[in-house]
Amino acid sequence: MTGALAPSRPLNATDLCDRCGAQAYVRVVLPESGELLFCAHHSRQHLEALAKLGAEIQDETERLAPGGTRREG
């Protein structure tokens, strides 16, 4: 997670990616705009640009890797 504001709750199976409907593992809170949810695949496509906009990012993709280690890529 980046920034100073902590999200209100962990993501769960009912949180779905806004691009494809898969389970979301990343929450992006846009400055003065709202919230986006992404699966790991779509977060890799969009997070760099969103971070440049000053978005708060809650990244829980480490839950996907065996042993809880975050995957890079």
PDB file of N, CA and C in Angstrom:
ATOM      1  N   MET A   1       0.854  -1.164   0.000  1.00  0.00           N
ATOM      2  CA  MET A   1       0.000   0.000   0.000  1.00  0.00           C
ATOM      3  C   MET A   1       0.902   1.230   0.000  1.00  0.00           C
ATOM      4  N   THR A   2       0.468   2.270  -0.673  1.00  0.00           N
ATOM      5  CA  THR A   2       1.205   3.512  -0.684  1.00  0.00           C
ATOM      6  C   THR A   2       0.377   4.612  -0.048  1.00  0.00           C
ATOM      7  N   GLY A   3       1.019   5.703   0.316  1.00  0.00           N
ATOM      8  CA  GLY A   3       0.289   6.848   0.852  1.00  0.00           C
ATOM      9  C   GLY A   3      -0.012   6.700   2.324  1.00  0.00           C
ATOM     10  N   ALA A   4      -0.718   7.689   2.867  1.00  0.00           N
ATOM     11  CA  ALA A   4      -0.947   7.764   4.301  1.00  0.00           C
ATOM     12  C   ALA A   4      -2.303   7.224   4.733  1.00  0.00           C
ATOM     13  N   LEU A   5      -3.254   7.130   3.834  1.00  0.00           N
ATOM     14  CA  LEU A   5      -4.593   6.702   4.220  1.00  0.00           C
ATOM     15  C   LEU A   5      -4.751   5.194   4.086  1.00  0.00           C
ATOM     16  N   ALA A   6      -5.124   4.534   5.156  1.00  0.00           N
ATOM     17  CA  ALA A   6      -5.350   3.094   5.108  1.00  0.00           C
ATOM     18  C   ALA A   6      -6.779   2.813   4.668  1.00  0.00           C
ATOM     19  N   PRO A   7      -6.971   1.824   3.789  1.00  0.00           N
ATOM     20  CA  PRO A   7      -8.325   1.450   3.375  1.00  0.00           C
ATOM     21  C   PRO A   7      -9.140   0.960   4.574  1.00  0.00           C
ATOM     22  N   SER A   8     -10.446   0.999   4.436  1.00  0.00           N
ATOM     23  CA  SER A   8     -11.315   0.680   5.560  1.00  0.00           C
ATOM     24  C   SER A   8     -11.397  -0.811   5.873  1.00  0.00           C
ATOM     25  N   ARG A   9     -11.150  -1.675   4.887  1.00  0.00           N
ATOM     26  CA  ARG A   9     -11.274  -3.116   5.139  1.00  0.00           C
ATOM     27  C   ARG A   9     -10.454  -3.903   4.119  1.00  0.00           C
ATOM     28  N   PRO A  10     -10.100  -5.146   4.466  1.00  0.00           N
ATOM     29  CA  PRO A  10      -9.400  -5.998   3.504  1.00  0.00           C
ATOM     30  C   PRO A  10     -10.334  -6.380   2.351  1.00  0.00           C
ATOM     31  N   LEU A  11      -9.764  -6.677   1.220  1.00  0.00           N
ATOM     32  CA  LEU A  11     -10.562  -7.153   0.082  1.00  0.00           C
ATOM     33  C   LEU A  11     -10.965  -8.602   0.318  1.00  0.00           C
ATOM     34  N   ASN A  12     -12.131  -8.988  -0.215  1.00  0.00           N
ATOM     35  CA  ASN A  12     -12.579 -10.375  -0.069  1.00  0.00           C
ATOM     36  C   ASN A  12     -13.187 -10.869  -1.387  1.00  0.00           C
ATOM     37  N   ALA A  13     -13.732 -12.060  -1.385  1.00  0.00           N
ATOM     38  CA  ALA A  13     -14.228 -12.697  -2.605  1.00  0.00           C
ATOM     39  C   ALA A  13     -15.395 -11.956  -3.253  1.00  0.00           C
ATOM     40  N   THR A  14     -16.056 -11.084  -2.527  1.00  0.00           N
ATOM     41  CA  THR A  14     -17.169 -10.334  -3.125  1.00  0.00           C
ATOM     42  C   THR A  14     -16.705  -9.053  -3.817  1.00  0.00           C
ATOM     43  N   ASP A  15     -15.425  -8.711  -3.655  1.00  0.00           N
ATOM     44  CA  ASP A  15     -14.863  -7.541  -4.335  1.00  0.00           C
ATOM     45  C   ASP A  15     -14.368  -7.981  -5.713  1.00  0.00           C
ATOM     46  N   LEU A  16     -14.917  -7.387  -6.761  1.00  0.00           N
ATOM     47  CA  LEU A  16     -14.622  -7.821  -8.129  1.00  0.00           C
ATOM     48  C   LEU A  16     -13.940  -6.730  -8.936  1.00  0.00           C
ATOM     49  N   CYS A  17     -13.085  -7.159  -9.855  1.00  0.00           N
ATOM     50  CA  CYS A  17     -12.353  -6.251 -10.730  1.00  0.00           C
ATOM     51  C   CYS A  17     -13.324  -5.440 -11.579  1.00  0.00           C
ATOM     52  N   ASP A  18     -13.090  -4.131 -11.646  1.00  0.00           N
ATOM     53  CA  ASP A  18     -13.944  -3.247 -12.437  1.00  0.00           C
ATOM     54  C   ASP A  18     -13.735  -3.424 -13.944  1.00  0.00           C
ATOM     55  N   ARG A  19     -12.658  -4.086 -14.361  1.00  0.00           N
ATOM     56  CA  ARG A  19     -12.396  -4.307 -15.784  1.00  0.00           C
ATOM     57  C   ARG A  19     -12.986  -5.627 -16.278  1.00  0.00           C
ATOM     58  N   CYS A  20     -12.834  -6.719 -15.488  1.00  0.00           N
ATOM     59  CA  CYS A  20     -13.204  -8.036 -16.023  1.00  0.00           C
ATOM     60  C   CYS A  20     -14.128  -8.855 -15.126  1.00  0.00           C
ATOM     61  N   GLY A  21     -14.337  -8.442 -13.891  1.00  0.00           N
ATOM     62  CA  GLY A  21     -15.227  -9.173 -12.996  1.00  0.00           C
ATOM     63  C   GLY A  21     -14.565 -10.279 -12.201  1.00  0.00           C
ATOM     64  N   ALA A  22     -13.251 -10.486 -12.361  1.00  0.00           N
ATOM     65  CA  ALA A  22     -12.532 -11.472 -11.549  1.00  0.00           C
ATOM     66  C   ALA A  22     -12.386 -10.937 -10.124  1.00  0.00           C
ATOM     67  N   GLN A  23     -11.951 -11.803  -9.196  1.00  0.00           N
ATOM     68  CA  GLN A  23     -11.757 -11.349  -7.827  1.00  0.00           C
ATOM     69  C   GLN A  23     -10.713 -10.243  -7.788  1.00  0.00           C
ATOM     70  N   ALA A  24     -11.011  -9.184  -7.058  1.00  0.00           N
ATOM     71  CA  ALA A  24     -10.102  -8.049  -6.934  1.00  0.00           C
ATOM     72  C   ALA A  24      -9.098  -8.293  -5.817  1.00  0.00           C
ATOM     73  N   TYR A  25      -7.842  -7.956  -6.089  1.00  0.00           N
ATOM     74  CA  TYR A  25      -6.774  -8.025  -5.106  1.00  0.00           C
ATOM     75  C   TYR A  25      -6.114  -6.671  -4.899  1.00  0.00           C
ATOM     76  N   VAL A  26      -6.584  -5.647  -5.625  1.00  0.00           N
ATOM     77  CA  VAL A  26      -6.021  -4.303  -5.512  1.00  0.00           C
ATOM     78  C   VAL A  26      -7.156  -3.287  -5.475  1.00  0.00           C
ATOM     79  N   ARG A  27      -7.094  -2.396  -4.472  1.00  0.00           N
ATOM     80  CA  ARG A  27      -8.048  -1.282  -4.375  1.00  0.00           C
ATOM     81  C   ARG A  27      -7.263   0.004  -4.639  1.00  0.00           C
ATOM     82  N   VAL A  28      -7.820   0.847  -5.502  1.00  0.00           N
ATOM     83  CA  VAL A  28      -7.204   2.138  -5.812  1.00  0.00           C
ATOM     84  C   VAL A  28      -8.198   3.225  -5.423  1.00  0.00           C
ATOM     85  N   VAL A  29      -7.778   4.122  -4.545  1.00  0.00           N
ATOM     86  CA  VAL A  29      -8.616   5.248  -4.139  1.00  0.00           C
ATOM     87  C   VAL A  29      -8.054   6.478  -4.841  1.00  0.00           C
ATOM     88  N   LEU A  30      -8.843   7.023  -5.752  1.00  0.00           N
ATOM     89  CA  LEU A  30      -8.428   8.173  -6.543  1.00  0.00           C
ATOM     90  C   LEU A  30      -8.656   9.465  -5.764  1.00  0.00           C
ATOM     91  N   PRO A  31      -7.732  10.409  -5.882  1.00  0.00           N
ATOM     92  CA  PRO A  31      -7.918  11.674  -5.176  1.00  0.00           C
ATOM     93  C   PRO A  31      -9.207  12.370  -5.623  1.00  0.00           C
ATOM     94  N   GLU A  32     -10.093  12.604  -4.688  1.00  0.00           N
ATOM     95  CA  GLU A  32     -11.343  13.340  -4.935  1.00  0.00           C
ATOM     96  C   GLU A  32     -12.263  12.701  -5.966  1.00  0.00           C
ATOM     97  N   SER A  33     -12.089  11.400  -6.255  1.00  0.00           N
ATOM     98  CA  SER A  33     -12.891  10.787  -7.326  1.00  0.00           C
ATOM     99  C   SER A  33     -13.652   9.536  -6.930  1.00  0.00           C
ATOM    100  N   GLY A  34     -13.075   8.684  -6.139  1.00  0.00           N
ATOM    101  CA  GLY A  34     -13.732   7.436  -5.818  1.00  0.00           C
ATOM    102  C   GLY A  34     -12.750   6.285  -5.775  1.00  0.00           C
ATOM    103  N   GLU A  35     -13.263   5.091  -6.008  1.00  0.00           N
ATOM    104  CA  GLU A  35     -12.498   3.873  -5.814  1.00  0.00           C
ATOM    105  C   GLU A  35     -12.597   2.975  -7.038  1.00  0.00           C
ATOM    106  N   LEU A  36     -11.496   2.289  -7.355  1.00  0.00           N
ATOM    107  CA  LEU A  36     -11.472   1.275  -8.401  1.00  0.00           C
ATOM    108  C   LEU A  36     -10.931  -0.013  -7.799  1.00  0.00           C
ATOM    109  N   LEU A  37     -11.435  -1.142  -8.274  1.00  0.00           N
ATOM    110  CA  LEU A  37     -10.943  -2.445  -7.852  1.00  0.00           C
ATOM    111  C   LEU A  37     -10.376  -3.159  -9.077  1.00  0.00           C
ATOM    112  N   PHE A  38      -9.241  -3.846  -8.890  1.00  0.00           N
ATOM    113  CA  PHE A  38      -8.602  -4.552  -9.991  1.00  0.00           C
ATOM    114  C   PHE A  38      -8.166  -5.942  -9.581  1.00  0.00           C
ATOM    115  N   CYS A  39      -8.231  -6.885 -10.524  1.00  0.00           N
ATOM    116  CA  CYS A  39      -7.589  -8.181 -10.358  1.00  0.00           C
ATOM    117  C   CYS A  39      -6.084  -7.944 -10.493  1.00  0.00           C
ATOM    118  N   ALA A  40      -5.273  -8.960 -10.235  1.00  0.00           N
ATOM    119  CA  ALA A  40      -3.820  -8.795 -10.323  1.00  0.00           C
ATOM    120  C   ALA A  40      -3.396  -8.430 -11.741  1.00  0.00           C
ATOM    121  N   HIS A  41      -3.984  -9.069 -12.729  1.00  0.00           N
ATOM    122  CA  HIS A  41      -3.637  -8.811 -14.132  1.00  0.00           C
ATOM    123  C   HIS A  41      -3.874  -7.351 -14.512  1.00  0.00           C
ATOM    124  N   HIS A  42      -5.055  -6.847 -14.258  1.00  0.00           N
ATOM    125  CA  HIS A  42      -5.375  -5.476 -14.645  1.00  0.00           C
ATOM    126  C   HIS A  42      -4.655  -4.451 -13.763  1.00  0.00           C
ATOM    127  N   SER A  43      -4.340  -4.802 -12.540  1.00  0.00           N
ATOM    128  CA  SER A  43      -3.574  -3.864 -11.716  1.00  0.00           C
ATOM    129  C   SER A  43      -2.184  -3.664 -12.306  1.00  0.00           C
ATOM    130  N   ARG A  44      -1.573  -4.739 -12.801  1.00  0.00           N
ATOM    131  CA  ARG A  44      -0.252  -4.594 -13.419  1.00  0.00           C
ATOM    132  C   ARG A  44      -0.315  -3.673 -14.630  1.00  0.00           C
ATOM    133  N   GLN A  45      -1.422  -3.660 -15.344  1.00  0.00           N
ATOM    134  CA  GLN A  45      -1.568  -2.803 -16.517  1.00  0.00           C
ATOM    135  C   GLN A  45      -1.749  -1.327 -16.153  1.00  0.00           C
ATOM    136  N   HIS A  46      -2.383  -1.028 -15.031  1.00  0.00           N
ATOM    137  CA  HIS A  46      -2.813   0.343 -14.751  1.00  0.00           C
ATOM    138  C   HIS A  46      -2.172   1.029 -13.544  1.00  0.00           C
ATOM    139  N   LEU A  47      -1.540   0.290 -12.639  1.00  0.00           N
ATOM    140  CA  LEU A  47      -1.094   0.894 -11.381  1.00  0.00           C
ATOM    141  C   LEU A  47      -0.030   1.971 -11.543  1.00  0.00           C
ATOM    142  N   GLU A  48       0.875   1.824 -12.463  1.00  0.00           N
ATOM    143  CA  GLU A  48       1.915   2.842 -12.623  1.00  0.00           C
ATOM    144  C   GLU A  48       1.301   4.205 -12.945  1.00  0.00           C
ATOM    145  N   ALA A  49       0.366   4.224 -13.890  1.00  0.00           N
ATOM    146  CA  ALA A  49      -0.280   5.490 -14.265  1.00  0.00           C
ATOM    147  C   ALA A  49      -1.124   6.037 -13.114  1.00  0.00           C
ATOM    148  N   LEU A  50      -1.824   5.175 -12.397  1.00  0.00           N
ATOM    149  CA  LEU A  50      -2.659   5.636 -11.288  1.00  0.00           C
ATOM    150  C   LEU A  50      -1.809   6.165 -10.133  1.00  0.00           C
ATOM    151  N   ALA A  51      -0.674   5.544  -9.880  1.00  0.00           N
ATOM    152  CA  ALA A  51       0.221   6.023  -8.825  1.00  0.00           C
ATOM    153  C   ALA A  51       0.737   7.426  -9.158  1.00  0.00           C
ATOM    154  N   LYS A  52       0.991   7.686 -10.427  1.00  0.00           N
ATOM    155  CA  LYS A  52       1.444   9.020 -10.840  1.00  0.00           C
ATOM    156  C   LYS A  52       0.387  10.082 -10.591  1.00  0.00           C
ATOM    157  N   LEU A  53      -0.879   9.670 -10.550  1.00  0.00           N
ATOM    158  CA  LEU A  53      -1.969  10.600 -10.268  1.00  0.00           C
ATOM    159  C   LEU A  53      -2.163  10.836  -8.774  1.00  0.00           C
ATOM    160  N   GLY A  54      -1.392  10.149  -7.962  1.00  0.00           N
ATOM    161  CA  GLY A  54      -1.504  10.322  -6.515  1.00  0.00           C
ATOM    162  C   GLY A  54      -2.522   9.420  -5.862  1.00  0.00           C
ATOM    163  N   ALA A  55      -2.886   8.331  -6.513  1.00  0.00           N
ATOM    164  CA  ALA A  55      -3.875   7.406  -5.963  1.00  0.00           C
ATOM    165  C   ALA A  55      -3.309   6.653  -4.762  1.00  0.00           C
ATOM    166  N   GLU A  56      -4.169   6.362  -3.791  1.00  0.00           N
ATOM    167  CA  GLU A  56      -3.831   5.484  -2.670  1.00  0.00           C
ATOM    168  C   GLU A  56      -4.040   4.056  -3.156  1.00  0.00           C
ATOM    169  N   ILE A  57      -3.076   3.167  -2.934  1.00  0.00           N
ATOM    170  CA  ILE A  57      -3.145   1.813  -3.481  1.00  0.00           C
ATOM    171  C   ILE A  57      -3.049   0.790  -2.361  1.00  0.00           C
ATOM    172  N   GLN A  58      -4.038  -0.088  -2.298  1.00  0.00           N
ATOM    173  CA  GLN A  58      -4.051  -1.211  -1.362  1.00  0.00           C
ATOM    174  C   GLN A  58      -3.801  -2.452  -2.208  1.00  0.00           C
ATOM    175  N   ASP A  59      -2.621  -3.028  -2.116  1.00  0.00           N
ATOM    176  CA  ASP A  59      -2.224  -4.163  -2.948  1.00  0.00           C
ATOM    177  C   ASP A  59      -2.176  -5.427  -2.094  1.00  0.00           C
ATOM    178  N   GLU A  60      -3.082  -6.371  -2.369  1.00  0.00           N
ATOM    179  CA  GLU A  60      -3.131  -7.633  -1.641  1.00  0.00           C
ATOM    180  C   GLU A  60      -2.765  -8.809  -2.547  1.00  0.00           C
ATOM    181  N   THR A  61      -2.026  -8.546  -3.624  1.00  0.00           N
ATOM    182  CA  THR A  61      -1.672  -9.613  -4.565  1.00  0.00           C
ATOM    183  C   THR A  61      -0.747 -10.653  -3.943  1.00  0.00           C
ATOM    184  N   GLU A  62      -0.105 -10.339  -2.813  1.00  0.00           N
ATOM    185  CA  GLU A  62       0.744 -11.339  -2.158  1.00  0.00           C
ATOM    186  C   GLU A  62      -0.043 -12.573  -1.744  1.00  0.00           C
ATOM    187  N   ARG A  63      -1.346 -12.440  -1.597  1.00  0.00           N
ATOM    188  CA  ARG A  63      -2.190 -13.588  -1.238  1.00  0.00           C
ATOM    189  C   ARG A  63      -2.261 -14.616  -2.358  1.00  0.00           C
ATOM    190  N   LEU A  64      -1.890 -14.256  -3.576  1.00  0.00           N
ATOM    191  CA  LEU A  64      -1.948 -15.173  -4.712  1.00  0.00           C
ATOM    192  C   LEU A  64      -0.759 -16.115  -4.788  1.00  0.00           C
ATOM    193  N   ALA A  65       0.385 -15.729  -4.239  1.00  0.00           N
ATOM    194  CA  ALA A  65       1.605 -16.506  -4.358  1.00  0.00           C
ATOM    195  C   ALA A  65       1.690 -17.546  -3.230  1.00  0.00           C
ATOM    196  N   PRO A  66       2.258 -18.720  -3.536  1.00  0.00           N
ATOM    197  CA  PRO A  66       2.457 -19.734  -2.484  1.00  0.00           C
ATOM    198  C   PRO A  66       3.302 -19.160  -1.351  1.00  0.00           C
ATOM    199  N   GLY A  67       2.884 -19.377  -0.130  1.00  0.00           N
ATOM    200  CA  GLY A  67       3.618 -18.892   1.030  1.00  0.00           C
ATOM    201  C   GLY A  67       3.401 -17.427   1.321  1.00  0.00           C
ATOM    202  N   GLY A  68       2.507 -16.762   0.564  1.00  0.00           N
ATOM    203  CA  GLY A  68       2.215 -15.369   0.814  1.00  0.00           C
ATOM    204  C   GLY A  68       3.269 -14.396   0.352  1.00  0.00           C
ATOM    205  N   THR A  69       4.157 -14.830  -0.547  1.00  0.00           N
ATOM    206  CA  THR A  69       5.192 -13.946  -1.068  1.00  0.00           C
ATOM    207  C   THR A  69       4.665 -13.216  -2.296  1.00  0.00           C
ATOM    208  N   ARG A  70       4.921 -11.929  -2.374  1.00  0.00           N
ATOM    209  CA  ARG A  70       4.409 -11.140  -3.485  1.00  0.00           C
ATOM    210  C   ARG A  70       5.106 -11.503  -4.791  1.00  0.00           C
ATOM    211  N   ARG A  71       4.329 -11.686  -5.844  1.00  0.00           N
ATOM    212  CA  ARG A  71       4.874 -11.937  -7.160  1.00  0.00           C
ATOM    213  C   ARG A  71       5.222 -10.634  -7.837  1.00  0.00           C
ATOM    214  N   GLU A  72       6.286 -10.612  -8.577  1.00  0.00           N
ATOM    215  CA  GLU A  72       6.652  -9.452  -9.386  1.00  0.00           C
ATOM    216  C   GLU A  72       6.408  -9.809 -10.835  1.00  0.00           C
ATOM    217  N   GLY A  73       6.035  -8.821 -11.616  1.00  0.00           N
ATOM    218  CA  GLY A  73       5.873  -9.132 -13.038  1.00  0.00           C
ATOM    219  C   GLY A  73       4.791  -8.421 -13.594  1.00  0.00           C
TER     220      GLY A  73
END
